[in-house]
Amino acid sequence: MGGFGTWDIITRYPGMFKTAVPVCGGGSITEAYKAEGT
C-alpha cells in the first residue's frame, strides 16, 4: 500500500522527491511520465 503511495506522490507532486524506492506497489501508467527527474 505504501508502494502505491510512493508512486502516487512522485507523480502527483512531480520533482518534490529526488529519490524513490517503491516496493510491490503500482501507480497510474498515464501519469508515470510526471516522475521525470526522480
PDB file of all heavy atoms in Angstrom:
ATOM      1  N   MET A   1       0.836  -1.196   0.000  1.00  0.00           N
ATOM      2  CA  MET A   1       0.000   0.000   0.000  1.00  0.00           C
ATOM      3  C   MET A   1       0.872   1.248   0.000  1.00  0.00           C
ATOM      4  O   MET A   1       0.538   2.265  -0.625  1.00  0.00           O
ATOM      5  CB  MET A   1      -0.928  -0.007   1.212  1.00  0.00           C
ATOM      6  CG  MET A   1      -1.912   1.149   1.267  1.00  0.00           C
ATOM      7  SD  MET A   1      -2.967   1.114   2.729  1.00  0.00           S
ATOM      8  CE  MET A   1      -1.839   1.842   3.944  1.00  0.00           C
ATOM      9  N   GLY A   2       1.987   1.178   0.697  1.00  0.00           N
ATOM     10  CA  GLY A   2       2.939   2.286   0.716  1.00  0.00           C
ATOM     11  C   GLY A   2       3.698   2.424  -0.583  1.00  0.00           C
ATOM     12  O   GLY A   2       4.192   3.508  -0.922  1.00  0.00           O
ATOM     13  N   GLY A   3       3.800   1.312  -1.347  1.00  0.00           N
ATOM     14  CA  GLY A   3       4.388   1.385  -2.682  1.00  0.00           C
ATOM     15  C   GLY A   3       3.473   2.167  -3.606  1.00  0.00           C
ATOM     16  O   GLY A   3       3.931   2.993  -4.408  1.00  0.00           O
ATOM     17  N   PHE A   4       2.157   1.927  -3.486  1.00  0.00           N
ATOM     18  CA  PHE A   4       1.181   2.725  -4.236  1.00  0.00           C
ATOM     19  C   PHE A   4       1.289   4.201  -3.839  1.00  0.00           C
ATOM     20  O   PHE A   4       1.232   5.091  -4.684  1.00  0.00           O
ATOM     21  CB  PHE A   4      -0.240   2.214  -3.971  1.00  0.00           C
ATOM     22  CG  PHE A   4      -0.627   1.025  -4.800  1.00  0.00           C
ATOM     23  CD1 PHE A   4      -0.385  -0.260  -4.355  1.00  0.00           C
ATOM     24  CD2 PHE A   4      -1.248   1.188  -6.028  1.00  0.00           C
ATOM     25  CE1 PHE A   4      -0.750  -1.367  -5.113  1.00  0.00           C
ATOM     26  CE2 PHE A   4      -1.615   0.098  -6.805  1.00  0.00           C
ATOM     27  CZ  PHE A   4      -1.361  -1.191  -6.346  1.00  0.00           C
ATOM     28  N   GLY A   5       1.451   4.434  -2.525  1.00  0.00           N
ATOM     29  CA  GLY A   5       1.586   5.801  -2.050  1.00  0.00           C
ATOM     30  C   GLY A   5       2.823   6.479  -2.593  1.00  0.00           C
ATOM     31  O   GLY A   5       2.805   7.675  -2.931  1.00  0.00           O
ATOM     32  N   THR A   6       3.901   5.716  -2.704  1.00  0.00           N
ATOM     33  CA  THR A   6       5.147   6.265  -3.240  1.00  0.00           C
ATOM     34  C   THR A   6       4.984   6.672  -4.697  1.00  0.00           C
ATOM     35  O   THR A   6       5.361   7.781  -5.102  1.00  0.00           O
ATOM     36  CB  THR A   6       6.285   5.242  -3.094  1.00  0.00           C
ATOM     37  OG1 THR A   6       6.459   4.916  -1.712  1.00  0.00           O
ATOM     38  CG2 THR A   6       7.599   5.791  -3.641  1.00  0.00           C
ATOM     39  N   TRP A   7       4.401   5.775  -5.495  1.00  0.00           N
ATOM     40  CA  TRP A   7       4.156   6.107  -6.900  1.00  0.00           C
ATOM     41  C   TRP A   7       3.228   7.324  -7.019  1.00  0.00           C
ATOM     42  O   TRP A   7       3.434   8.205  -7.856  1.00  0.00           O
ATOM     43  CB  TRP A   7       3.518   4.924  -7.632  1.00  0.00           C
ATOM     44  CG  TRP A   7       4.447   3.812  -7.996  1.00  0.00           C
ATOM     45  CD1 TRP A   7       4.429   2.517  -7.531  1.00  0.00           C
ATOM     46  CD2 TRP A   7       5.532   3.861  -8.934  1.00  0.00           C
ATOM     47  NE1 TRP A   7       5.433   1.785  -8.105  1.00  0.00           N
ATOM     48  CE2 TRP A   7       6.122   2.574  -8.976  1.00  0.00           C
ATOM     49  CE3 TRP A   7       6.065   4.872  -9.737  1.00  0.00           C
ATOM     50  CZ2 TRP A   7       7.211   2.279  -9.799  1.00  0.00           C
ATOM     51  CZ3 TRP A   7       7.145   4.577 -10.547  1.00  0.00           C
ATOM     52  CH2 TRP A   7       7.713   3.299 -10.581  1.00  0.00           C
ATOM     53  N   ASP A   8       2.208   7.373  -6.165  1.00  0.00           N
ATOM     54  CA  ASP A   8       1.255   8.485  -6.213  1.00  0.00           C
ATOM     55  C   ASP A   8       1.947   9.816  -5.934  1.00  0.00           C
ATOM     56  O   ASP A   8       1.719  10.806  -6.641  1.00  0.00           O
ATOM     57  CB  ASP A   8       0.142   8.245  -5.183  1.00  0.00           C
ATOM     58  CG  ASP A   8      -0.934   9.319  -5.225  1.00  0.00           C
ATOM     59  OD1 ASP A   8      -1.666   9.391  -6.225  1.00  0.00           O
ATOM     60  OD2 ASP A   8      -1.036  10.084  -4.254  1.00  0.00           O
ATOM     61  N   ILE A   9       2.796   9.827  -4.929  1.00  0.00           N
ATOM     62  CA  ILE A   9       3.467  11.068  -4.545  1.00  0.00           C
ATOM     63  C   ILE A   9       4.392  11.579  -5.638  1.00  0.00           C
ATOM     64  O   ILE A   9       4.396  12.771  -5.950  1.00  0.00           O
ATOM     65  CB  ILE A   9       4.237  10.870  -3.228  1.00  0.00           C
ATOM     66  CG1 ILE A   9       3.256  10.864  -2.043  1.00  0.00           C
ATOM     67  CG2 ILE A   9       5.294  11.964  -3.030  1.00  0.00           C
ATOM     68  CD1 ILE A   9       3.889  10.513  -0.712  1.00  0.00           C
ATOM     69  N   ILE A  10       5.180  10.684  -6.243  1.00  0.00           N
ATOM     70  CA  ILE A  10       6.175  11.169  -7.212  1.00  0.00           C
ATOM     71  C   ILE A  10       5.542  11.545  -8.549  1.00  0.00           C
ATOM     72  O   ILE A  10       6.194  12.204  -9.376  1.00  0.00           O
ATOM     73  CB  ILE A  10       7.330  10.172  -7.421  1.00  0.00           C
ATOM     74  CG1 ILE A  10       6.839   8.853  -8.027  1.00  0.00           C
ATOM     75  CG2 ILE A  10       8.069   9.958  -6.110  1.00  0.00           C
ATOM     76  CD1 ILE A  10       7.967   7.876  -8.356  1.00  0.00           C
ATOM     77  N   THR A  11       4.264  11.149  -8.763  1.00  0.00           N
ATOM     78  CA  THR A  11       3.565  11.595  -9.974  1.00  0.00           C
ATOM     79  C   THR A  11       2.587  12.733  -9.666  1.00  0.00           C
ATOM     80  O   THR A  11       2.337  13.587 -10.514  1.00  0.00           O
ATOM     81  CB  THR A  11       2.811  10.426 -10.642  1.00  0.00           C
ATOM     82  OG1 THR A  11       1.977   9.768  -9.677  1.00  0.00           O
ATOM     83  CG2 THR A  11       3.791   9.417 -11.199  1.00  0.00           C
ATOM     84  N   ARG A  12       2.056  12.769  -8.449  1.00  0.00           N
ATOM     85  CA  ARG A  12       1.141  13.844  -8.059  1.00  0.00           C
ATOM     86  C   ARG A  12       1.909  15.117  -7.703  1.00  0.00           C
ATOM     87  O   ARG A  12       1.424  16.238  -7.913  1.00  0.00           O
ATOM     88  CB  ARG A  12       0.297  13.410  -6.861  1.00  0.00           C
ATOM     89  CG  ARG A  12      -0.833  14.376  -6.519  1.00  0.00           C
ATOM     90  CD  ARG A  12      -1.631  13.876  -5.318  1.00  0.00           C
ATOM     91  NE  ARG A  12      -2.268  12.596  -5.568  1.00  0.00           N
ATOM     92  CZ  ARG A  12      -3.445  12.448  -6.171  1.00  0.00           C
ATOM     93  NH1 ARG A  12      -4.115  13.519  -6.571  1.00  0.00           N
ATOM     94  NH2 ARG A  12      -3.967  11.248  -6.364  1.00  0.00           N
ATOM     95  N   TYR A  13       3.120  14.935  -7.159  1.00  0.00           N
ATOM     96  CA  TYR A  13       3.965  16.072  -6.784  1.00  0.00           C
ATOM     97  C   TYR A  13       5.306  15.952  -7.510  1.00  0.00           C
ATOM     98  O   TYR A  13       6.338  15.649  -6.908  1.00  0.00           O
ATOM     99  CB  TYR A  13       4.177  16.090  -5.265  1.00  0.00           C
ATOM    100  CG  TYR A  13       2.912  16.344  -4.482  1.00  0.00           C
ATOM    101  CD1 TYR A  13       2.127  15.288  -4.027  1.00  0.00           C
ATOM    102  CD2 TYR A  13       2.483  17.646  -4.218  1.00  0.00           C
ATOM    103  CE1 TYR A  13       0.941  15.516  -3.325  1.00  0.00           C
ATOM    104  CE2 TYR A  13       1.308  17.884  -3.521  1.00  0.00           C
ATOM    105  CZ  TYR A  13       0.547  16.814  -3.083  1.00  0.00           C
ATOM    106  OH  TYR A  13      -0.625  17.050  -2.389  1.00  0.00           O
ATOM    107  N   PRO A  14       5.284  16.160  -8.826  1.00  0.00           N
ATOM    108  CA  PRO A  14       6.492  15.959  -9.639  1.00  0.00           C
ATOM    109  C   PRO A  14       7.681  16.764  -9.121  1.00  0.00           C
ATOM    110  O   PRO A  14       7.555  17.952  -8.814  1.00  0.00           O
ATOM    111  CB  PRO A  14       6.072  16.447 -11.026  1.00  0.00           C
ATOM    112  CG  PRO A  14       4.588  16.329 -11.037  1.00  0.00           C
ATOM    113  CD  PRO A  14       4.153  16.641  -9.642  1.00  0.00           C
ATOM    114  N   GLY A  15       8.795  16.097  -9.000  1.00  0.00           N
ATOM    115  CA  GLY A  15      10.032  16.768  -8.629  1.00  0.00           C
ATOM    116  C   GLY A  15      10.206  17.043  -7.156  1.00  0.00           C
ATOM    117  O   GLY A  15      11.259  17.532  -6.742  1.00  0.00           O
ATOM    118  N   MET A  16       9.217  16.726  -6.340  1.00  0.00           N
ATOM    119  CA  MET A  16       9.358  17.000  -4.908  1.00  0.00           C
ATOM    120  C   MET A  16      10.441  16.123  -4.290  1.00  0.00           C
ATOM    121  O   MET A  16      11.282  16.604  -3.536  1.00  0.00           O
ATOM    122  CB  MET A  16       8.029  16.785  -4.185  1.00  0.00           C
ATOM    123  CG  MET A  16       8.117  17.008  -2.679  1.00  0.00           C
ATOM    124  SD  MET A  16       6.502  16.870  -1.868  1.00  0.00           S
ATOM    125  CE  MET A  16       6.988  17.102  -0.150  1.00  0.00           C
ATOM    126  N   PHE A  17      10.395  14.830  -4.631  1.00  0.00           N
ATOM    127  CA  PHE A  17      11.389  13.901  -4.091  1.00  0.00           C
ATOM    128  C   PHE A  17      12.412  13.563  -5.173  1.00  0.00           C
ATOM    129  O   PHE A  17      12.056  13.260  -6.301  1.00  0.00           O
ATOM    130  CB  PHE A  17      10.715  12.625  -3.586  1.00  0.00           C
ATOM    131  CG  PHE A  17       9.994  12.824  -2.279  1.00  0.00           C
ATOM    132  CD1 PHE A  17       8.679  13.259  -2.254  1.00  0.00           C
ATOM    133  CD2 PHE A  17      10.641  12.581  -1.072  1.00  0.00           C
ATOM    134  CE1 PHE A  17       8.017  13.460  -1.053  1.00  0.00           C
ATOM    135  CE2 PHE A  17       9.988  12.783   0.133  1.00  0.00           C
ATOM    136  CZ  PHE A  17       8.673  13.222   0.143  1.00  0.00           C
ATOM    137  N   LYS A  18      13.673  13.602  -4.784  1.00  0.00           N
ATOM    138  CA  LYS A  18      14.748  13.312  -5.731  1.00  0.00           C
ATOM    139  C   LYS A  18      14.912  11.815  -5.950  1.00  0.00           C
ATOM    140  O   LYS A  18      15.284  11.366  -7.032  1.00  0.00           O
ATOM    141  CB  LYS A  18      16.070  13.910  -5.208  1.00  0.00           C
ATOM    142  CG  LYS A  18      17.261  13.694  -6.133  1.00  0.00           C
ATOM    143  CD  LYS A  18      17.077  14.405  -7.462  1.00  0.00           C
ATOM    144  CE  LYS A  18      18.299  14.268  -8.348  1.00  0.00           C
ATOM    145  NZ  LYS A  18      18.119  14.945  -9.654  1.00  0.00           N
ATOM    146  N   THR A  19      14.638  11.026  -4.898  1.00  0.00           N
ATOM    147  CA  THR A  19      14.866   9.590  -4.948  1.00  0.00           C
ATOM    148  C   THR A  19      13.634   8.853  -4.431  1.00  0.00           C
ATOM    149  O   THR A  19      13.044   9.247  -3.430  1.00  0.00           O
ATOM    150  CB  THR A  19      16.085   9.213  -4.090  1.00  0.00           C
ATOM    151  OG1 THR A  19      17.246   9.880  -4.620  1.00  0.00           O
ATOM    152  CG2 THR A  19      16.333   7.718  -4.083  1.00  0.00           C
ATOM    153  N   ALA A  20      13.252   7.771  -5.129  1.00  0.00           N
ATOM    154  CA  ALA A  20      12.084   6.999  -4.728  1.00  0.00           C
ATOM    155  C   ALA A  20      12.365   5.510  -4.840  1.00  0.00           C
ATOM    156  O   ALA A  20      12.983   5.049  -5.811  1.00  0.00           O
ATOM    157  CB  ALA A  20      10.875   7.363  -5.583  1.00  0.00           C
ATOM    158  N   VAL A  21      11.889   4.757  -3.830  1.00  0.00           N
ATOM    159  CA  VAL A  21      12.041   3.300  -3.823  1.00  0.00           C
ATOM    160  C   VAL A  21      10.672   2.675  -3.537  1.00  0.00           C
ATOM    161  O   VAL A  21      10.347   2.360  -2.393  1.00  0.00           O
ATOM    162  CB  VAL A  21      13.076   2.844  -2.779  1.00  0.00           C
ATOM    163  CG1 VAL A  21      13.265   1.327  -2.849  1.00  0.00           C
ATOM    164  CG2 VAL A  21      14.415   3.553  -2.981  1.00  0.00           C
ATOM    165  N   PRO A  22       9.828   2.514  -4.572  1.00  0.00           N
ATOM    166  CA  PRO A  22       8.541   1.853  -4.377  1.00  0.00           C
ATOM    167  C   PRO A  22       8.711   0.334  -4.430  1.00  0.00           C
ATOM    168  O   PRO A  22       9.353  -0.180  -5.349  1.00  0.00           O
ATOM    169  CB  PRO A  22       7.691   2.349  -5.557  1.00  0.00           C
ATOM    170  CG  PRO A  22       8.627   3.034  -6.502  1.00  0.00           C
ATOM    171  CD  PRO A  22       9.995   3.020  -5.930  1.00  0.00           C
ATOM    172  N   VAL A  23       8.128  -0.353  -3.451  1.00  0.00           N
ATOM    173  CA  VAL A  23       8.259  -1.810  -3.380  1.00  0.00           C
ATOM    174  C   VAL A  23       6.875  -2.443  -3.483  1.00  0.00           C
ATOM    175  O   VAL A  23       5.968  -2.097  -2.726  1.00  0.00           O
ATOM    176  CB  VAL A  23       8.946  -2.243  -2.079  1.00  0.00           C
ATOM    177  CG1 VAL A  23       9.131  -3.757  -2.048  1.00  0.00           C
ATOM    178  CG2 VAL A  23      10.300  -1.538  -1.910  1.00  0.00           C
ATOM    179  N   CYS A  24       6.718  -3.368  -4.410  1.00  0.00           N
ATOM    180  CA  CYS A  24       5.492  -4.127  -4.702  1.00  0.00           C
ATOM    181  C   CYS A  24       4.239  -3.261  -4.640  1.00  0.00           C
ATOM    182  O   CYS A  24       3.240  -3.618  -4.006  1.00  0.00           O
ATOM    183  CB  CYS A  24       5.360  -5.359  -3.802  1.00  0.00           C
ATOM    184  SG  CYS A  24       5.318  -5.121  -2.027  1.00  0.00           S
ATOM    185  N   GLY A  25       4.303  -2.123  -5.322  1.00  0.00           N
ATOM    186  CA  GLY A  25       3.149  -1.238  -5.434  1.00  0.00           C
ATOM    187  C   GLY A  25       2.793  -1.039  -6.891  1.00  0.00           C
ATOM    188  O   GLY A  25       3.236  -1.789  -7.766  1.00  0.00           O
ATOM    189  N   GLY A  26       1.991  -0.032  -7.153  1.00  0.00           N
ATOM    190  CA  GLY A  26       1.622   0.289  -8.526  1.00  0.00           C
ATOM    191  C   GLY A  26       1.130   1.715  -8.590  1.00  0.00           C
ATOM    192  O   GLY A  26       0.854   2.338  -7.561  1.00  0.00           O
ATOM    193  N   GLY A  27       1.014   2.227  -9.784  1.00  0.00           N
ATOM    194  CA  GLY A  27       0.588   3.612  -9.945  1.00  0.00           C
ATOM    195  C   GLY A  27      -0.183   3.806 -11.225  1.00  0.00           C
ATOM    196  O   GLY A  27      -0.612   2.844 -11.869  1.00  0.00           O
ATOM    197  N   SER A  28      -0.355   5.056 -11.610  1.00  0.00           N
ATOM    198  CA  SER A  28      -1.081   5.399 -12.831  1.00  0.00           C
ATOM    199  C   SER A  28      -0.124   5.422 -14.020  1.00  0.00           C
ATOM    200  O   SER A  28       0.803   6.233 -14.054  1.00  0.00           O
ATOM    201  CB  SER A  28      -1.752   6.768 -12.689  1.00  0.00           C
ATOM    202  OG  SER A  28      -2.301   7.178 -13.925  1.00  0.00           O
ATOM    203  N   ILE A  29      -0.374   4.552 -14.976  1.00  0.00           N
ATOM    204  CA  ILE A  29       0.528   4.493 -16.126  1.00  0.00           C
ATOM    205  C   ILE A  29       0.393   5.741 -17.000  1.00  0.00           C
ATOM    206  O   ILE A  29       1.325   6.103 -17.716  1.00  0.00           O
ATOM    207  CB  ILE A  29       0.295   3.215 -16.963  1.00  0.00           C
ATOM    208  CG1 ILE A  29      -1.161   3.124 -17.428  1.00  0.00           C
ATOM    209  CG2 ILE A  29       0.686   1.982 -16.153  1.00  0.00           C
ATOM    210  CD1 ILE A  29      -1.428   1.940 -18.357  1.00  0.00           C
ATOM    211  N   THR A  30      -0.756   6.416 -16.938  1.00  0.00           N
ATOM    212  CA  THR A  30      -0.920   7.631 -17.734  1.00  0.00           C
ATOM    213  C   THR A  30      -0.264   8.839 -17.080  1.00  0.00           C
ATOM    214  O   THR A  30      -0.063   9.861 -17.742  1.00  0.00           O
ATOM    215  CB  THR A  30      -2.415   7.935 -17.977  1.00  0.00           C
ATOM    216  OG1 THR A  30      -3.089   8.027 -16.716  1.00  0.00           O
ATOM    217  CG2 THR A  30      -3.056   6.839 -18.820  1.00  0.00           C
ATOM    218  N   GLU A  31       0.063   8.731 -15.801  1.00  0.00           N
ATOM    219  CA  GLU A  31       0.712   9.824 -15.076  1.00  0.00           C
ATOM    220  C   GLU A  31       2.188   9.554 -14.833  1.00  0.00           C
ATOM    221  O   GLU A  31       2.895  10.405 -14.302  1.00  0.00           O
ATOM    222  CB  GLU A  31       0.021  10.053 -13.730  1.00  0.00           C
ATOM    223  CG  GLU A  31      -1.446  10.382 -13.815  1.00  0.00           C
ATOM    224  CD  GLU A  31      -1.704  11.667 -14.585  1.00  0.00           C
ATOM    225  OE1 GLU A  31      -1.168  12.707 -14.180  1.00  0.00           O
ATOM    226  OE2 GLU A  31      -2.432  11.609 -15.597  1.00  0.00           O
ATOM    227  N   ALA A  32       2.664   8.380 -15.219  1.00  0.00           N
ATOM    228  CA  ALA A  32       4.035   7.961 -14.910  1.00  0.00           C
ATOM    229  C   ALA A  32       5.075   8.949 -15.421  1.00  0.00           C
ATOM    230  O   ALA A  32       6.103   9.177 -14.771  1.00  0.00           O
ATOM    231  CB  ALA A  32       4.292   6.571 -15.494  1.00  0.00           C
ATOM    232  N   TYR A  33       4.821   9.551 -16.559  1.00  0.00           N
ATOM    233  CA  TYR A  33       5.795  10.469 -17.157  1.00  0.00           C
ATOM    234  C   TYR A  33       6.132  11.646 -16.241  1.00  0.00           C
ATOM    235  O   TYR A  33       7.187  12.269 -16.358  1.00  0.00           O
ATOM    236  CB  TYR A  33       5.281  10.991 -18.508  1.00  0.00           C
ATOM    237  CG  TYR A  33       4.148  11.980 -18.393  1.00  0.00           C
ATOM    238  CD1 TYR A  33       4.397  13.358 -18.413  1.00  0.00           C
ATOM    239  CD2 TYR A  33       2.827  11.552 -18.247  1.00  0.00           C
ATOM    240  CE1 TYR A  33       3.359  14.273 -18.292  1.00  0.00           C
ATOM    241  CE2 TYR A  33       1.793  12.459 -18.134  1.00  0.00           C
ATOM    242  CZ  TYR A  33       2.055  13.809 -18.155  1.00  0.00           C
ATOM    243  OH  TYR A  33       1.032  14.713 -18.034  1.00  0.00           O
ATOM    244  N   LYS A  34       5.228  11.953 -15.301  1.00  0.00           N
ATOM    245  CA  LYS A  34       5.463  13.076 -14.403  1.00  0.00           C
ATOM    246  C   LYS A  34       6.567  12.799 -13.388  1.00  0.00           C
ATOM    247  O   LYS A  34       7.014  13.718 -12.691  1.00  0.00           O
ATOM    248  CB  LYS A  34       4.163  13.440 -13.675  1.00  0.00           C
ATOM    249  CG  LYS A  34       3.086  13.993 -14.598  1.00  0.00           C
ATOM    250  CD  LYS A  34       1.831  14.345 -13.835  1.00  0.00           C
ATOM    251  CE  LYS A  34       0.762  14.908 -14.759  1.00  0.00           C
ATOM    252  NZ  LYS A  34      -0.499  15.204 -14.032  1.00  0.00           N
ATOM    253  N   ALA A  35       6.996  11.555 -13.307  1.00  0.00           N
ATOM    254  CA  ALA A  35       8.070  11.198 -12.374  1.00  0.00           C
ATOM    255  C   ALA A  35       9.455  11.537 -12.929  1.00  0.00           C
ATOM    256  O   ALA A  35      10.468  11.256 -12.284  1.00  0.00           O
ATOM    257  CB  ALA A  35       8.003   9.712 -12.027  1.00  0.00           C
ATOM    258  N   GLU A  36       9.481  12.146 -14.089  1.00  0.00           N
ATOM    259  CA  GLU A  36      10.771  12.534 -14.668  1.00  0.00           C
ATOM    260  C   GLU A  36      11.518  13.443 -13.693  1.00  0.00           C
ATOM    261  O   GLU A  36      10.943  14.356 -13.103  1.00  0.00           O
ATOM    262  CB  GLU A  36      10.565  13.264 -15.991  1.00  0.00           C
ATOM    263  CG  GLU A  36      11.857  13.602 -16.704  1.00  0.00           C
ATOM    264  CD  GLU A  36      11.617  14.234 -18.064  1.00  0.00           C
ATOM    265  OE1 GLU A  36      10.474  14.614 -18.355  1.00  0.00           O
ATOM    266  OE2 GLU A  36      12.593  14.348 -18.832  1.00  0.00           O
ATOM    267  N   GLY A  37      12.789  13.172 -13.515  1.00  0.00           N
ATOM    268  CA  GLY A  37      13.601  13.956 -12.581  1.00  0.00           C
ATOM    269  C   GLY A  37      13.768  13.278 -11.236  1.00  0.00           C
ATOM    270  O   GLY A  37      14.572  13.719 -10.411  1.00  0.00           O
ATOM    271  N   THR A  38      12.996  12.209 -11.005  1.00  0.00           N
ATOM    272  CA  THR A  38      13.138  11.431  -9.773  1.00  0.00           C
ATOM    273  C   THR A  38      13.910  10.156 -10.075  1.00  0.00           C
ATOM    274  O   THR A  38      13.582   9.436 -11.034  1.00  0.00           O
ATOM    275  CB  THR A  38      11.757  11.065  -9.188  1.00  0.00           C
ATOM    276  OG1 THR A  38      11.048  12.254  -8.855  1.00  0.00           O
ATOM    277  CG2 THR A  38      11.908  10.209  -7.937  1.00  0.00           C
TER     278      THR A  38
END
